[in-house]
Structure formats: C-alpha cells, structure tokens
C-alpha cells in the first residue's frame, strides 16, 4: 500500500510541475542571403528578457569578416517569455535595411524561428544553432 501511495504522489507531483521553457541562449546562424553570407547572433538573457548581439559575419565563401561594421551591435531586443519555448513583444533590427520590426521567436529543438512584423505582415527566418 505504501508503495502505490508513493507512486501516486510522485505521479501527481510530475503532472502539476510546470514545463520549463527551452533555452534559446547561445550562438545562432541566420539564414543565408542570396550571396550565401550570414550572421551569427549571440542570444542571451538581458535582465528577465532575451536579447541577441551580432557575433560574426560570414561571407558566401565561408570566411569570417572581421571588418563587418555591425559586429557587437544588438539585433534582437527585449523578448519576453510567452509560454513554453516562445518569446514575444520584442524587436529585431535588420542591418541590411537599418530598420527595426516588432518581433517574436519560437524555439524548436536546434531551430529558432524568428519573425519580424509590421502590423499583421510578418517575415521570418529559421536560425540554426551554431555552437
């Protein structure tokens, strides 16, 4: 009897424990542009939100560009956790257009789906873990 009571209590405890969100921190590679170039973005906590900074620029031949003018600049701003594996209410900066957009992101394993939106029109990229 004690064994079944313990098993029931343990199962109940597991069912009532909230699921922990995945961890989007780390280095992410953006999708490649038409020339095959991409950026890596270092996503990390900024207070109780998530932010991302341009860590490197890689050209179409796969070589790192140490002279890329936006190295170290913020690209993802103030993402707020919005459920399991989702963040919202932030912004993303597109360095090629020098514009900021409302943004959200969702973690799906080793894929970070990032969207930038104007009103109800959104465009997104699938970023992959770089580390």
Protein backbone atom coordinates (compact mmCIF):
# COMPACT_ATOMS: atom_id res chain seq x y z
CA UNK A 1 0.00 0.00 0.00
CA UNK A 2 2.80 2.42 0.88
CA UNK A 3 4.43 1.78 -2.49
CA UNK A 4 1.29 2.61 -4.51
CA UNK A 5 0.61 5.73 -2.41
CA UNK A 6 4.18 6.93 -3.03
CA UNK A 7 3.87 6.22 -6.78
CA UNK A 8 0.58 8.12 -6.97
CA UNK A 9 2.03 11.10 -5.09
CA UNK A 10 5.11 11.14 -7.35
CA UNK A 11 2.96 10.95 -10.49
CA UNK A 12 0.74 13.76 -9.21
CA UNK A 13 3.81 15.86 -8.47
CA UNK A 14 5.09 15.35 -12.00
CA UNK A 15 1.74 16.29 -13.52
CA UNK A 16 1.48 19.54 -11.57
CA UNK A 17 5.05 20.71 -12.20
CA UNK A 18 5.03 23.41 -14.88
CA UNK A 19 7.01 22.58 -18.01
CA UNK A 20 10.22 24.53 -18.26
CA UNK A 21 10.80 26.57 -21.40
CA UNK A 22 13.66 25.62 -23.66
CA UNK A 23 16.80 27.68 -23.55
CA UNK A 24 17.40 29.88 -26.61
CA UNK A 25 20.71 31.18 -25.27
CA UNK A 26 23.76 30.55 -27.40
CA UNK A 27 25.09 31.24 -30.84
CA UNK A 28 22.67 31.10 -33.80
CA UNK A 29 23.34 31.27 -37.55
CA UNK A 30 20.83 33.31 -39.53
CA UNK A 31 19.60 32.09 -42.90
CA UNK A 32 22.00 32.74 -45.76
CA UNK A 33 21.29 35.66 -48.09
CA UNK A 34 21.38 35.41 -51.91
CA UNK A 35 25.18 35.56 -51.88
CA UNK A 36 25.45 32.80 -49.25
CA UNK A 37 26.51 35.20 -46.47
CA UNK A 38 25.03 35.00 -42.98
CA UNK A 39 25.42 36.37 -39.47
CA UNK A 40 25.84 34.62 -36.16
CA UNK A 41 23.83 36.08 -33.30
CA UNK A 42 24.65 35.53 -29.62
CA UNK A 43 21.30 35.23 -27.82
CA UNK A 44 21.43 35.74 -24.06
CA UNK A 45 19.41 37.00 -21.14
CA UNK A 46 19.17 40.76 -20.69
CA UNK A 47 17.52 41.03 -17.28
CA UNK A 48 14.37 38.91 -17.41
CA UNK A 49 14.17 39.19 -21.23
CA UNK A 50 16.17 37.76 -24.13
CA UNK A 51 18.40 39.79 -26.45
CA UNK A 52 20.76 38.96 -29.30
CA UNK A 53 24.00 40.57 -30.48
CA UNK A 54 25.79 40.17 -33.81
CA UNK A 55 28.77 37.93 -33.05
CA UNK A 56 30.17 37.45 -36.55
CA UNK A 57 29.55 37.94 -40.24
CA UNK A 58 30.40 35.13 -42.65
CA UNK A 59 30.71 35.73 -46.39
CA UNK A 60 29.48 33.44 -49.16
CA UNK A 61 32.83 31.62 -49.26
CA UNK A 62 32.54 30.78 -45.55
CA UNK A 63 35.17 33.27 -44.38
CA UNK A 64 34.57 35.42 -41.32
CA UNK A 65 34.57 39.18 -41.97
CA UNK A 66 36.35 40.88 -39.03
CA UNK A 67 35.61 44.31 -40.56
CA UNK A 68 31.82 43.90 -40.66
CA UNK A 69 30.63 47.28 -39.33
CA UNK A 70 27.84 45.90 -37.12
CA UNK A 71 29.80 43.40 -35.01
CA UNK A 72 28.65 43.51 -31.39
CA UNK A 73 25.53 45.54 -32.14
CA UNK A 74 22.18 44.42 -30.77
CA UNK A 75 19.92 42.68 -33.28
CA UNK A 76 17.22 41.14 -31.04
CA UNK A 77 15.73 43.38 -28.35
CA UNK A 78 13.74 42.66 -25.20
CA UNK A 79 11.98 39.39 -26.00
CA UNK A 80 9.54 38.44 -23.24
CA UNK A 81 8.73 34.80 -22.45
CA UNK A 82 5.26 33.96 -23.77
CA UNK A 83 4.62 30.33 -22.94
CA UNK A 84 6.78 27.30 -23.41
CA UNK A 85 9.57 27.89 -25.97
CA UNK A 86 8.08 31.20 -27.18
CA UNK A 87 9.10 34.83 -26.77
CA UNK A 88 7.22 37.89 -27.93
CA UNK A 89 6.85 41.65 -27.54
CA UNK A 90 10.43 42.29 -28.67
CA UNK A 91 12.03 43.87 -31.68
CA UNK A 92 14.52 42.79 -34.33
CA UNK A 93 16.88 45.00 -36.29
CA UNK A 94 17.58 44.28 -39.94
CA UNK A 95 21.07 45.68 -40.53
CA UNK A 96 20.73 45.45 -44.34
CA UNK A 97 17.77 47.87 -44.25
CA UNK A 98 18.64 49.61 -40.96
CA UNK A 99 15.07 49.10 -39.73
CA UNK A 100 13.57 47.66 -36.55
CA UNK A 101 10.47 45.49 -36.53
CA UNK A 102 8.16 44.02 -33.89
CA UNK A 103 9.39 40.51 -33.32
CA UNK A 104 8.70 37.12 -31.81
CA UNK A 105 10.61 33.88 -31.73
CA UNK A 106 9.96 30.22 -31.05
CA UNK A 107 12.47 27.53 -30.12
CA UNK A 108 12.02 24.18 -31.87
CA UNK A 109 14.93 22.00 -30.85
CA UNK A 110 18.04 23.33 -32.57
CA UNK A 111 15.96 25.72 -34.68
CA UNK A 112 14.99 29.25 -33.61
CA UNK A 113 12.14 30.61 -35.72
CA UNK A 114 12.43 34.40 -35.67
CA UNK A 115 9.84 36.77 -37.18
CA UNK A 116 9.80 40.48 -37.79
CA UNK A 117 6.40 42.10 -38.30
CA UNK A 118 4.83 45.33 -39.48
CA UNK A 119 1.18 45.38 -38.43
CA UNK A 120 -0.07 41.91 -39.41
CA UNK A 121 2.53 41.20 -42.08
CA UNK A 122 5.38 39.05 -40.81
CA UNK A 123 8.51 37.70 -42.43
CA UNK A 124 10.65 35.15 -40.73
CA UNK A 125 13.83 33.15 -40.74
CA UNK A 126 14.83 29.80 -39.34
CA UNK A 127 18.08 30.20 -37.39
CA UNK A 128 20.18 27.15 -36.59
CA UNK A 129 22.43 26.57 -33.58
CA UNK A 130 26.00 27.48 -34.41
CA UNK A 131 27.62 26.01 -31.29
